[in-house]
Amino acid sequence: MENQTGFIVKVFVVSALLSLLIRYMGPSLGIGGTTTNVLIMVLSPSLIMAIALLSRLPSKG
C-alpha cells in the first residue's frame, strides 16, 4: 500500500510542478493564442498516445 501511495504522491507533485511551470513560464514563450495553436496543444497528447499504443499492436504477417 505504501508503494502505491508513494507513486500517487510523486505523480501529484510532478503534476503540480508542471502546472506551476506552465502558469508562470508559459507566457514568456511568446506563443500566440490562435485557434490553430490551441488545437495543436489540445490534440497532440491524444495523438501521441494513439500512435504509441497502435505501435504496440501485434502485426499480422
N, C-alpha and C. Protein backbone atom coordinates (compact mmCIF):
# COMPACT_ATOMS: atom_id res chain seq x y z
N MET A 1 0.82 -1.19 0.00
CA MET A 1 0.00 0.00 0.00
C MET A 1 0.87 1.26 0.00
N GLU A 2 1.99 1.23 0.72
CA GLU A 2 2.87 2.39 0.75
C GLU A 2 3.44 2.70 -0.63
N ASN A 3 3.72 1.65 -1.39
CA ASN A 3 4.29 1.84 -2.71
C ASN A 3 3.31 2.60 -3.61
N GLN A 4 2.03 2.23 -3.56
CA GLN A 4 1.02 2.91 -4.37
C GLN A 4 0.83 4.35 -3.91
N THR A 5 0.81 4.55 -2.60
CA THR A 5 0.65 5.90 -2.07
C THR A 5 1.84 6.77 -2.46
N GLY A 6 3.02 6.24 -2.37
CA GLY A 6 4.21 6.99 -2.78
C GLY A 6 4.17 7.36 -4.24
N PHE A 7 3.72 6.43 -5.08
CA PHE A 7 3.63 6.71 -6.51
C PHE A 7 2.61 7.82 -6.77
N ILE A 8 1.47 7.76 -6.10
CA ILE A 8 0.44 8.78 -6.28
C ILE A 8 0.95 10.14 -5.83
N VAL A 9 1.66 10.18 -4.73
CA VAL A 9 2.22 11.45 -4.24
C VAL A 9 3.24 11.99 -5.23
N LYS A 10 4.09 11.13 -5.78
CA LYS A 10 5.08 11.57 -6.77
C LYS A 10 4.41 12.14 -8.01
N VAL A 11 3.37 11.47 -8.50
CA VAL A 11 2.65 11.95 -9.67
C VAL A 11 2.00 13.30 -9.37
N PHE A 12 1.43 13.44 -8.18
CA PHE A 12 0.79 14.69 -7.79
C PHE A 12 1.81 15.83 -7.73
N VAL A 13 2.97 15.58 -7.16
CA VAL A 13 4.00 16.62 -7.04
C VAL A 13 4.52 17.02 -8.42
N VAL A 14 4.79 16.05 -9.27
CA VAL A 14 5.27 16.36 -10.62
C VAL A 14 4.21 17.14 -11.39
N SER A 15 2.95 16.75 -11.24
CA SER A 15 1.86 17.46 -11.91
C SER A 15 1.75 18.89 -11.42
N ALA A 16 1.87 19.10 -10.12
CA ALA A 16 1.80 20.45 -9.56
C ALA A 16 2.96 21.31 -10.06
N LEU A 17 4.16 20.74 -10.09
CA LEU A 17 5.32 21.48 -10.58
C LEU A 17 5.18 21.84 -12.06
N LEU A 18 4.68 20.90 -12.84
CA LEU A 18 4.46 21.16 -14.26
C LEU A 18 3.41 22.25 -14.46
N SER A 19 2.37 22.21 -13.65
CA SER A 19 1.33 23.22 -13.71
C SER A 19 1.88 24.61 -13.39
N LEU A 20 2.69 24.70 -12.34
CA LEU A 20 3.29 25.98 -11.99
C LEU A 20 4.25 26.46 -13.07
N LEU A 21 5.01 25.54 -13.64
CA LEU A 21 5.93 25.90 -14.72
C LEU A 21 5.17 26.47 -15.92
N ILE A 22 4.08 25.83 -16.28
CA ILE A 22 3.29 26.31 -17.42
C ILE A 22 2.66 27.66 -17.09
N ARG A 23 2.16 27.80 -15.87
CA ARG A 23 1.47 29.03 -15.49
C ARG A 23 2.41 30.24 -15.49
N TYR A 24 3.59 30.08 -14.91
CA TYR A 24 4.46 31.24 -14.74
C TYR A 24 5.51 31.39 -15.82
N MET A 25 5.91 30.32 -16.48
CA MET A 25 6.93 30.42 -17.52
C MET A 25 6.31 30.38 -18.92
N GLY A 26 5.10 29.90 -19.03
CA GLY A 26 4.44 29.78 -20.33
C GLY A 26 4.28 31.09 -21.08
N PRO A 27 3.85 32.16 -20.41
CA PRO A 27 3.68 33.43 -21.14
C PRO A 27 4.97 33.97 -21.75
N SER A 28 6.11 33.60 -21.21
CA SER A 28 7.37 34.09 -21.76
C SER A 28 7.77 33.38 -23.05
N LEU A 29 7.06 32.31 -23.41
CA LEU A 29 7.38 31.59 -24.64
C LEU A 29 6.96 32.35 -25.89
N GLY A 30 5.96 33.21 -25.76
CA GLY A 30 5.53 34.03 -26.89
C GLY A 30 4.71 33.28 -27.92
N ILE A 31 3.98 32.26 -27.50
CA ILE A 31 3.11 31.52 -28.41
C ILE A 31 1.75 32.21 -28.43
N GLY A 32 1.29 32.58 -29.62
CA GLY A 32 0.02 33.26 -29.74
C GLY A 32 -1.16 32.34 -29.45
N GLY A 33 -2.26 32.93 -29.00
CA GLY A 33 -3.45 32.16 -28.65
C GLY A 33 -4.39 31.98 -29.82
N THR A 34 -3.88 31.55 -30.95
CA THR A 34 -4.74 31.35 -32.12
C THR A 34 -5.44 30.00 -32.03
N THR A 35 -6.47 29.86 -32.82
CA THR A 35 -7.23 28.61 -32.82
C THR A 35 -6.36 27.43 -33.23
N THR A 36 -5.50 27.63 -34.19
CA THR A 36 -4.62 26.56 -34.65
C THR A 36 -3.68 26.10 -33.54
N ASN A 37 -3.08 27.05 -32.84
CA ASN A 37 -2.17 26.68 -31.75
C ASN A 37 -2.90 25.95 -30.63
N VAL A 38 -4.10 26.39 -30.32
CA VAL A 38 -4.88 25.74 -29.26
C VAL A 38 -5.23 24.31 -29.67
N LEU A 39 -5.66 24.11 -30.90
CA LEU A 39 -5.98 22.76 -31.37
C LEU A 39 -4.76 21.85 -31.34
N ILE A 40 -3.63 22.36 -31.73
CA ILE A 40 -2.40 21.56 -31.70
C ILE A 40 -2.07 21.16 -30.27
N MET A 41 -2.16 22.11 -29.33
CA MET A 41 -1.82 21.81 -27.94
C MET A 41 -2.81 20.85 -27.29
N VAL A 42 -4.08 20.95 -27.67
CA VAL A 42 -5.10 20.09 -27.05
C VAL A 42 -5.07 18.69 -27.65
N LEU A 43 -4.87 18.57 -28.95
CA LEU A 43 -4.95 17.27 -29.61
C LEU A 43 -3.64 16.49 -29.63
N SER A 44 -2.52 17.16 -29.45
CA SER A 44 -1.22 16.48 -29.52
C SER A 44 -1.08 15.33 -28.52
N PRO A 45 -1.41 15.50 -27.24
CA PRO A 45 -1.25 14.37 -26.32
C PRO A 45 -2.05 13.14 -26.71
N SER A 46 -3.29 13.34 -27.18
CA SER A 46 -4.11 12.21 -27.59
C SER A 46 -3.54 11.52 -28.82
N LEU A 47 -3.06 12.30 -29.76
CA LEU A 47 -2.47 11.71 -30.97
C LEU A 47 -1.18 10.96 -30.65
N ILE A 48 -0.37 11.51 -29.77
CA ILE A 48 0.87 10.84 -29.39
C ILE A 48 0.57 9.52 -28.71
N MET A 49 -0.41 9.51 -27.79
CA MET A 49 -0.77 8.27 -27.10
C MET A 49 -1.36 7.25 -28.08
N ALA A 50 -2.18 7.70 -29.02
CA ALA A 50 -2.75 6.79 -30.01
C ALA A 50 -1.66 6.15 -30.85
N ILE A 51 -0.70 6.93 -31.29
CA ILE A 51 0.40 6.39 -32.09
C ILE A 51 1.22 5.41 -31.27
N ALA A 52 1.49 5.77 -30.01
CA ALA A 52 2.28 4.87 -29.15
C ALA A 52 1.56 3.55 -28.92
N LEU A 53 0.25 3.61 -28.68
CA LEU A 53 -0.50 2.38 -28.42
C LEU A 53 -0.68 1.55 -29.69
N LEU A 54 -0.90 2.21 -30.82
CA LEU A 54 -1.05 1.48 -32.08
C LEU A 54 0.25 0.79 -32.49
N SER A 55 1.37 1.38 -32.14
CA SER A 55 2.64 0.76 -32.49
C SER A 55 2.90 -0.51 -31.69
N ARG A 56 2.19 -0.70 -30.60
CA ARG A 56 2.37 -1.89 -29.77
C ARG A 56 1.47 -3.04 -30.20
N LEU A 57 0.56 -2.79 -31.13
CA LEU A 57 -0.31 -3.87 -31.61
C LEU A 57 0.51 -4.92 -32.34
N PRO A 58 0.19 -6.18 -32.13
CA PRO A 58 0.92 -7.22 -32.87
C PRO A 58 0.57 -7.16 -34.36
N SER A 59 1.57 -7.32 -35.19
CA SER A 59 1.32 -7.28 -36.63
C SER A 59 0.95 -8.66 -37.13
N LYS A 60 0.06 -8.68 -38.12
CA LYS A 60 -0.34 -9.95 -38.74
C LYS A 60 0.59 -10.20 -39.92
N GLY A 61 1.28 -11.25 -39.88
CA GLY A 61 2.14 -11.48 -41.01
C GLY A 61 3.20 -12.40 -40.70
